[in-house]
PDB file of N, CA and C in Angstrom:
ATOM      1  N   MET A   1      26.746  -0.401  -6.000  1.00  0.00           N
ATOM      2  CA  MET A   1      25.435  -1.104  -5.891  1.00  0.00           C
ATOM      3  C   MET A   1      24.570  -0.152  -5.233  1.00  0.00           C
ATOM      4  N   ASP A   2      23.437  -0.029  -5.766  1.00  0.00           N
ATOM      5  CA  ASP A   2      22.257   0.672  -5.403  1.00  0.00           C
ATOM      6  C   ASP A   2      21.444  -0.051  -4.223  1.00  0.00           C
ATOM      7  N   GLU A   3      21.687   0.396  -2.999  1.00  0.00           N
ATOM      8  CA  GLU A   3      21.110  -0.227  -1.828  1.00  0.00           C
ATOM      9  C   GLU A   3      19.592  -0.300  -1.774  1.00  0.00           C
ATOM     10  N   GLU A   4      18.918   0.707  -2.330  1.00  0.00           N
ATOM     11  CA  GLU A   4      17.524   0.829  -2.172  1.00  0.00           C
ATOM     12  C   GLU A   4      16.952  -0.110  -3.364  1.00  0.00           C
ATOM     13  N   GLN A   5      17.480  -0.180  -4.472  1.00  0.00           N
ATOM     14  CA  GLN A   5      17.084  -1.220  -5.489  1.00  0.00           C
ATOM     15  C   GLN A   5      17.273  -2.757  -5.035  1.00  0.00           C
ATOM     16  N   LEU A   6      18.446  -2.993  -4.440  1.00  0.00           N
ATOM     17  CA  LEU A   6      18.649  -4.157  -3.861  1.00  0.00           C
ATOM     18  C   LEU A   6      17.616  -4.704  -2.919  1.00  0.00           C
ATOM     19  N   ASN A   7      17.343  -3.762  -1.887  1.00  0.00           N
ATOM     20  CA  ASN A   7      16.328  -3.985  -0.901  1.00  0.00           C
ATOM     21  C   ASN A   7      14.976  -4.240  -1.541  1.00  0.00           C
ATOM     22  N   GLN A   8      14.640  -3.371  -2.549  1.00  0.00           N
ATOM     23  CA  GLN A   8      13.324  -3.669  -3.345  1.00  0.00           C
ATOM     24  C   GLN A   8      13.219  -5.101  -4.058  1.00  0.00           C
ATOM     25  N   GLN A   9      14.285  -5.397  -4.780  1.00  0.00           N
ATOM     26  CA  GLN A   9      14.335  -6.673  -5.352  1.00  0.00           C
ATOM     27  C   GLN A   9      14.133  -7.795  -4.451  1.00  0.00           C
ATOM     28  N   ILE A  10      14.948  -7.751  -3.341  1.00  0.00           N
ATOM     29  CA  ILE A  10      14.809  -8.923  -2.262  1.00  0.00           C
ATOM     30  C   ILE A  10      13.423  -9.019  -1.716  1.00  0.00           C
ATOM     31  N   ARG A  11      12.898  -7.687  -1.428  1.00  0.00           N
ATOM     32  CA  ARG A  11      11.499  -7.718  -0.809  1.00  0.00           C
ATOM     33  C   ARG A  11      10.492  -8.183  -1.848  1.00  0.00           C
ATOM     34  N   LYS A  12      10.583  -7.901  -3.088  1.00  0.00           N
ATOM     35  CA  LYS A  12       9.710  -8.548  -4.085  1.00  0.00           C
ATOM     36  C   LYS A  12       9.756  -9.976  -4.212  1.00  0.00           C
ATOM     37  N   PHE A  13      11.177 -10.600  -4.187  1.00  0.00           N
ATOM     38  CA  PHE A  13      11.240 -11.999  -4.265  1.00  0.00           C
ATOM     39  C   PHE A  13      10.617 -12.584  -3.087  1.00  0.00           C
ATOM     40  N   LEU A  14      11.016 -12.140  -1.755  1.00  0.00           N
ATOM     41  CA  LEU A  14      10.388 -12.802  -0.621  1.00  0.00           C
ATOM     42  C   LEU A  14       9.027 -12.699  -0.428  1.00  0.00           C
ATOM     43  N   LYS A  15       8.272 -11.451  -1.065  1.00  0.00           N
ATOM     44  CA  LYS A  15       6.959 -11.481  -1.047  1.00  0.00           C
ATOM     45  C   LYS A  15       6.198 -12.641  -1.935  1.00  0.00           C
ATOM     46  N   LYS A  16       6.965 -12.779  -3.151  1.00  0.00           N
ATOM     47  CA  LYS A  16       6.461 -13.824  -4.015  1.00  0.00           C
ATOM     48  C   LYS A  16       6.572 -15.225  -3.412  1.00  0.00           C
ATOM     49  N   VAL A  17       7.721 -15.548  -2.796  1.00  0.00           N
ATOM     50  CA  VAL A  17       7.987 -16.692  -2.014  1.00  0.00           C
ATOM     51  C   VAL A  17       6.957 -16.817  -0.921  1.00  0.00           C
ATOM     52  N   GLY A  18       6.736 -15.889  -0.186  1.00  0.00           N
ATOM     53  CA  GLY A  18       5.795 -15.996   0.999  1.00  0.00           C
ATOM     54  C   GLY A  18       4.391 -16.159   0.485  1.00  0.00           C
ATOM     55  N   VAL A  19       3.762 -15.610  -0.496  1.00  0.00           N
ATOM     56  CA  VAL A  19       2.366 -15.801  -0.946  1.00  0.00           C
ATOM     57  C   VAL A  19       2.405 -17.056  -1.506  1.00  0.00           C
ATOM     58  N   THR A  20       3.337 -17.583  -2.364  1.00  0.00           N
ATOM     59  CA  THR A  20       3.113 -18.861  -2.970  1.00  0.00           C
ATOM     60  C   THR A  20       3.337 -19.981  -1.997  1.00  0.00           C
ATOM     61  N   SER A  21       4.135 -19.812  -1.111  1.00  0.00           N
ATOM     62  CA  SER A  21       4.422 -20.814  -0.103  1.00  0.00           C
ATOM     63  C   SER A  21       3.013 -21.009   0.837  1.00  0.00           C
ATOM     64  N   GLN A  22       2.619 -19.912   1.064  1.00  0.00           N
ATOM     65  CA  GLN A  22       1.221 -20.031   2.049  1.00  0.00           C
ATOM     66  C   GLN A  22       0.238 -20.693   1.225  1.00  0.00           C
ATOM     67  N   ARG A  23       0.006 -20.319   0.171  1.00  0.00           N
ATOM     68  CA  ARG A  23      -1.056 -20.933  -0.717  1.00  0.00           C
ATOM     69  C   ARG A  23      -0.926 -22.403  -0.719  1.00  0.00           C
ATOM     70  N   GLU A  24       0.350 -22.726  -1.097  1.00  0.00           N
ATOM     71  CA  GLU A  24       0.562 -24.331  -1.218  1.00  0.00           C
ATOM     72  C   GLU A  24       0.577 -25.016   0.155  1.00  0.00           C
ATOM     73  N   LEU A  25       0.995 -24.468   1.214  1.00  0.00           N
ATOM     74  CA  LEU A  25       0.869 -25.113   2.429  1.00  0.00           C
ATOM     75  C   LEU A  25      -0.494 -25.255   2.868  1.00  0.00           C
ATOM     76  N   GLU A  26      -1.434 -24.101   2.662  1.00  0.00           N
ATOM     77  CA  GLU A  26      -2.894 -24.127   2.948  1.00  0.00           C
ATOM     78  C   GLU A  26      -3.657 -25.235   2.167  1.00  0.00           C
ATOM     79  N   ARG A  27      -3.259 -25.215   0.885  1.00  0.00           N
ATOM     80  CA  ARG A  27      -3.894 -26.276   0.012  1.00  0.00           C
ATOM     81  C   ARG A  27      -3.592 -27.669   0.408  1.00  0.00           C
ATOM     82  N   VAL A  28      -2.363 -28.080   0.712  1.00  0.00           N
ATOM     83  CA  VAL A  28      -2.148 -29.314   0.971  1.00  0.00           C
ATOM     84  C   VAL A  28      -2.527 -29.943   2.444  1.00  0.00           C
ATOM     85  N   ILE A  29      -2.414 -28.918   3.383  1.00  0.00           N
ATOM     86  CA  ILE A  29      -2.986 -29.135   4.717  1.00  0.00           C
ATOM     87  C   ILE A  29      -4.423 -29.355   4.804  1.00  0.00           C
ATOM     88  N   ARG A  30      -5.201 -28.466   3.894  1.00  0.00           N
ATOM     89  CA  ARG A  30      -6.724 -28.671   3.881  1.00  0.00           C
ATOM     90  C   ARG A  30      -7.125 -29.816   3.277  1.00  0.00           C
ATOM     91  N   ALA A  31      -6.514 -30.216   2.147  1.00  0.00           N
ATOM     92  CA  ALA A  31      -6.670 -31.602   1.524  1.00  0.00           C
ATOM     93  C   ALA A  31      -6.343 -32.653   2.507  1.00  0.00           C
ATOM     94  N   ALA A  32      -5.365 -32.533   3.189  1.00  0.00           N
ATOM     95  CA  ALA A  32      -5.048 -33.759   4.003  1.00  0.00           C
ATOM     96  C   ALA A  32      -6.217 -33.929   5.193  1.00  0.00           C
ATOM     97  N   ALA A  33      -6.550 -32.628   5.821  1.00  0.00           N
ATOM     98  CA  ALA A  33      -7.528 -32.658   6.740  1.00  0.00           C
ATOM     99  C   ALA A  33      -8.920 -33.199   6.216  1.00  0.00           C
ATOM    100  N   ASP A  34      -9.280 -32.667   4.975  1.00  0.00           N
ATOM    101  CA  ASP A  34     -10.481 -33.392   4.253  1.00  0.00           C
ATOM    102  C   ASP A  34     -10.535 -34.726   4.060  1.00  0.00           C
ATOM    103  N   SER A  35      -9.498 -35.375   3.702  1.00  0.00           N
ATOM    104  CA  SER A  35      -9.291 -36.677   3.650  1.00  0.00           C
ATOM    105  C   SER A  35      -9.103 -37.549   4.719  1.00  0.00           C
ATOM    106  N   GLY A  36      -8.934 -37.059   5.775  1.00  0.00           N
ATOM    107  CA  GLY A  36      -8.696 -37.657   7.120  1.00  0.00           C
ATOM    108  C   GLY A  36      -7.174 -37.973   7.261  1.00  0.00           C
ATOM    109  N   GLU A  37      -6.443 -37.687   6.173  1.00  0.00           N
ATOM    110  CA  GLU A  37      -4.960 -37.932   6.259  1.00  0.00           C
ATOM    111  C   GLU A  37      -4.213 -37.271   7.426  1.00  0.00           C
ATOM    112  N   LEU A  38      -4.676 -36.160   7.845  1.00  0.00           N
ATOM    113  CA  LEU A  38      -3.996 -35.320   8.705  1.00  0.00           C
ATOM    114  C   LEU A  38      -3.907 -36.052   9.988  1.00  0.00           C
ATOM    115  N   GLY A  39      -2.720 -36.199  10.744  1.00  0.00           N
ATOM    116  CA  GLY A  39      -2.625 -36.757  11.975  1.00  0.00           C
ATOM    117  C   GLY A  39      -3.343 -36.151  13.080  1.00  0.00           C
ATOM    118  N   SER A  40      -3.218 -36.712  14.328  1.00  0.00           N
ATOM    119  CA  SER A  40      -4.141 -36.154  15.595  1.00  0.00           C
ATOM    120  C   SER A  40      -3.341 -35.193  16.189  1.00  0.00           C
ATOM    121  N   GLY A  41      -3.372 -34.086  15.604  1.00  0.00           N
ATOM    122  CA  GLY A  41      -2.818 -32.866  16.374  1.00  0.00           C
ATOM    123  C   GLY A  41      -1.246 -32.813  16.594  1.00  0.00           C
ATOM    124  N   LYS A  42      -0.533 -33.822  15.809  1.00  0.00           N
ATOM    125  CA  LYS A  42       0.843 -33.618  15.995  1.00  0.00           C
ATOM    126  C   LYS A  42       1.346 -32.437  15.073  1.00  0.00           C
ATOM    127  N   PRO A  43       2.400 -31.884  15.420  1.00  0.00           N
ATOM    128  CA  PRO A  43       2.975 -30.674  14.613  1.00  0.00           C
ATOM    129  C   PRO A  43       3.525 -31.227  13.410  1.00  0.00           C
ATOM    130  N   LEU A  44       3.409 -30.438  12.275  1.00  0.00           N
ATOM    131  CA  LEU A  44       3.852 -30.898  11.092  1.00  0.00           C
ATOM    132  C   LEU A  44       5.486 -30.309  10.849  1.00  0.00           C
ATOM    133  N   ALA A  45       6.402 -31.019  10.541  1.00  0.00           N
ATOM    134  CA  ALA A  45       7.791 -30.482  10.216  1.00  0.00           C
ATOM    135  C   ALA A  45       7.488 -29.870   8.757  1.00  0.00           C
ATOM    136  N   VAL A  46       8.162 -28.716   8.779  1.00  0.00           N
ATOM    137  CA  VAL A  46       8.230 -27.827   7.572  1.00  0.00           C
ATOM    138  C   VAL A  46       9.564 -27.289   7.357  1.00  0.00           C
ATOM    139  N   SER A  47      10.178 -27.245   6.162  1.00  0.00           N
ATOM    140  CA  SER A  47      11.414 -26.616   5.821  1.00  0.00           C
ATOM    141  C   SER A  47      11.409 -25.969   4.594  1.00  0.00           C
ATOM    142  N   MET A  48      12.181 -24.999   4.317  1.00  0.00           N
ATOM    143  CA  MET A  48      12.307 -24.114   3.286  1.00  0.00           C
ATOM    144  C   MET A  48      13.949 -24.117   2.746  1.00  0.00           C
ATOM    145  N   HIS A  49      14.124 -24.343   1.584  1.00  0.00           N
ATOM    146  CA  HIS A  49      15.533 -24.276   1.083  1.00  0.00           C
ATOM    147  C   HIS A  49      15.663 -22.957   0.225  1.00  0.00           C
ATOM    148  N   LEU A  50      16.758 -22.258   0.551  1.00  0.00           N
ATOM    149  CA  LEU A  50      16.980 -21.039  -0.190  1.00  0.00           C
ATOM    150  C   LEU A  50      18.364 -21.215  -0.739  1.00  0.00           C
ATOM    151  N   SER A  51      18.507 -20.955  -2.081  1.00  0.00           N
ATOM    152  CA  SER A  51      19.788 -21.042  -2.612  1.00  0.00           C
ATOM    153  C   SER A  51      20.011 -19.880  -3.673  1.00  0.00           C
ATOM    154  N   LEU A  52      21.255 -19.510  -3.707  1.00  0.00           N
ATOM    155  CA  LEU A  52      21.653 -18.463  -4.656  1.00  0.00           C
ATOM    156  C   LEU A  52      23.012 -18.924  -5.169  1.00  0.00           C
ATOM    157  N   PRO A  53      22.831 -19.793  -6.232  1.00  0.00           N
ATOM    158  CA  PRO A  53      24.121 -20.692  -6.523  1.00  0.00           C
ATOM    159  C   PRO A  53      25.268 -19.705  -7.071  1.00  0.00           C
ATOM    160  N   ALA A  54      24.992 -18.689  -7.668  1.00  0.00           N
ATOM    161  CA  ALA A  54      26.092 -17.761  -8.203  1.00  0.00           C
ATOM    162  C   ALA A  54      26.831 -17.190  -7.071  1.00  0.00           C
ATOM    163  N   LEU A  55      26.329 -17.064  -5.900  1.00  0.00           N
ATOM    164  CA  LEU A  55      27.114 -16.639  -4.713  1.00  0.00           C
ATOM    165  C   LEU A  55      27.538 -17.586  -3.676  1.00  0.00           C
ATOM    166  N   GLY A  56      26.951 -18.842  -3.930  1.00  0.00           N
ATOM    167  CA  GLY A  56      27.450 -20.001  -2.964  1.00  0.00           C
ATOM    168  C   GLY A  56      26.523 -20.056  -1.807  1.00  0.00           C
ATOM    169  N   LEU A  57      25.302 -19.393  -1.756  1.00  0.00           N
ATOM    170  CA  LEU A  57      24.466 -19.461  -0.518  1.00  0.00           C
ATOM    171  C   LEU A  57      23.484 -20.622  -0.668  1.00  0.00           C
ATOM    172  N   GLU A  58      23.461 -21.422   0.379  1.00  0.00           N
ATOM    173  CA  GLU A  58      22.624 -22.426   0.648  1.00  0.00           C
ATOM    174  C   GLU A  58      22.180 -22.393   2.010  1.00  0.00           C
ATOM    175  N   LEU A  59      20.882 -22.315   2.199  1.00  0.00           N
ATOM    176  CA  LEU A  59      20.156 -22.055   3.404  1.00  0.00           C
ATOM    177  C   LEU A  59      18.955 -22.731   3.650  1.00  0.00           C
ATOM    178  N   ASP A  60      18.873 -23.465   4.889  1.00  0.00           N
ATOM    179  CA  ASP A  60      17.589 -24.267   5.089  1.00  0.00           C
ATOM    180  C   ASP A  60      17.032 -23.753   6.479  1.00  0.00           C
ATOM    181  N   VAL A  61      15.781 -23.449   6.325  1.00  0.00           N
ATOM    182  CA  VAL A  61      15.122 -22.854   7.478  1.00  0.00           C
ATOM    183  C   VAL A  61      14.063 -24.069   7.773  1.00  0.00           C
ATOM    184  N   GLU A  62      14.021 -24.464   9.186  1.00  0.00           N
ATOM    185  CA  GLU A  62      13.249 -25.546   9.543  1.00  0.00           C
ATOM    186  C   GLU A  62      12.225 -25.205  10.700  1.00  0.00           C
ATOM    187  N   ASP A  63      11.063 -25.554  10.736  1.00  0.00           N
ATOM    188  CA  ASP A  63      10.163 -25.199  11.957  1.00  0.00           C
ATOM    189  C   ASP A  63       9.050 -26.414  11.823  1.00  0.00           C
ATOM    190  N   GLU A  64       8.111 -26.103  12.754  1.00  0.00           N
ATOM    191  CA  GLU A  64       6.937 -27.010  12.811  1.00  0.00           C
ATOM    192  C   GLU A  64       5.652 -26.210  12.773  1.00  0.00           C
ATOM    193  N   LEU A  65       4.642 -26.784  12.139  1.00  0.00           N
ATOM    194  CA  LEU A  65       3.311 -26.112  12.158  1.00  0.00           C
ATOM    195  C   LEU A  65       2.326 -26.862  13.130  1.00  0.00           C
ATOM    196  N   ASP A  66       1.825 -26.132  13.980  1.00  0.00           N
ATOM    197  CA  ASP A  66       0.747 -26.864  14.782  1.00  0.00           C
ATOM    198  C   ASP A  66      -0.538 -26.537  14.194  1.00  0.00           C
ATOM    199  N   VAL A  67      -1.148 -27.673  13.736  1.00  0.00           N
ATOM    200  CA  VAL A  67      -2.441 -27.417  12.879  1.00  0.00           C
ATOM    201  C   VAL A  67      -3.579 -28.165  13.582  1.00  0.00           C
TER     202      VAL A  67
END
């Protein structure tokens, strides 16, 4: 296995996930704020699910966004 190629492919995937996720989070949070739907300063629970079915990986990452 070429470690450098593996590293590059993983970084490419994570960059795509990061950019896409950030855009979507910003879009829905702004829309909720504009419509008055966004609550009174309560943190928003957020989670991301990562799976690699071919190798049996299932990972959930959870956090809160203070907006």
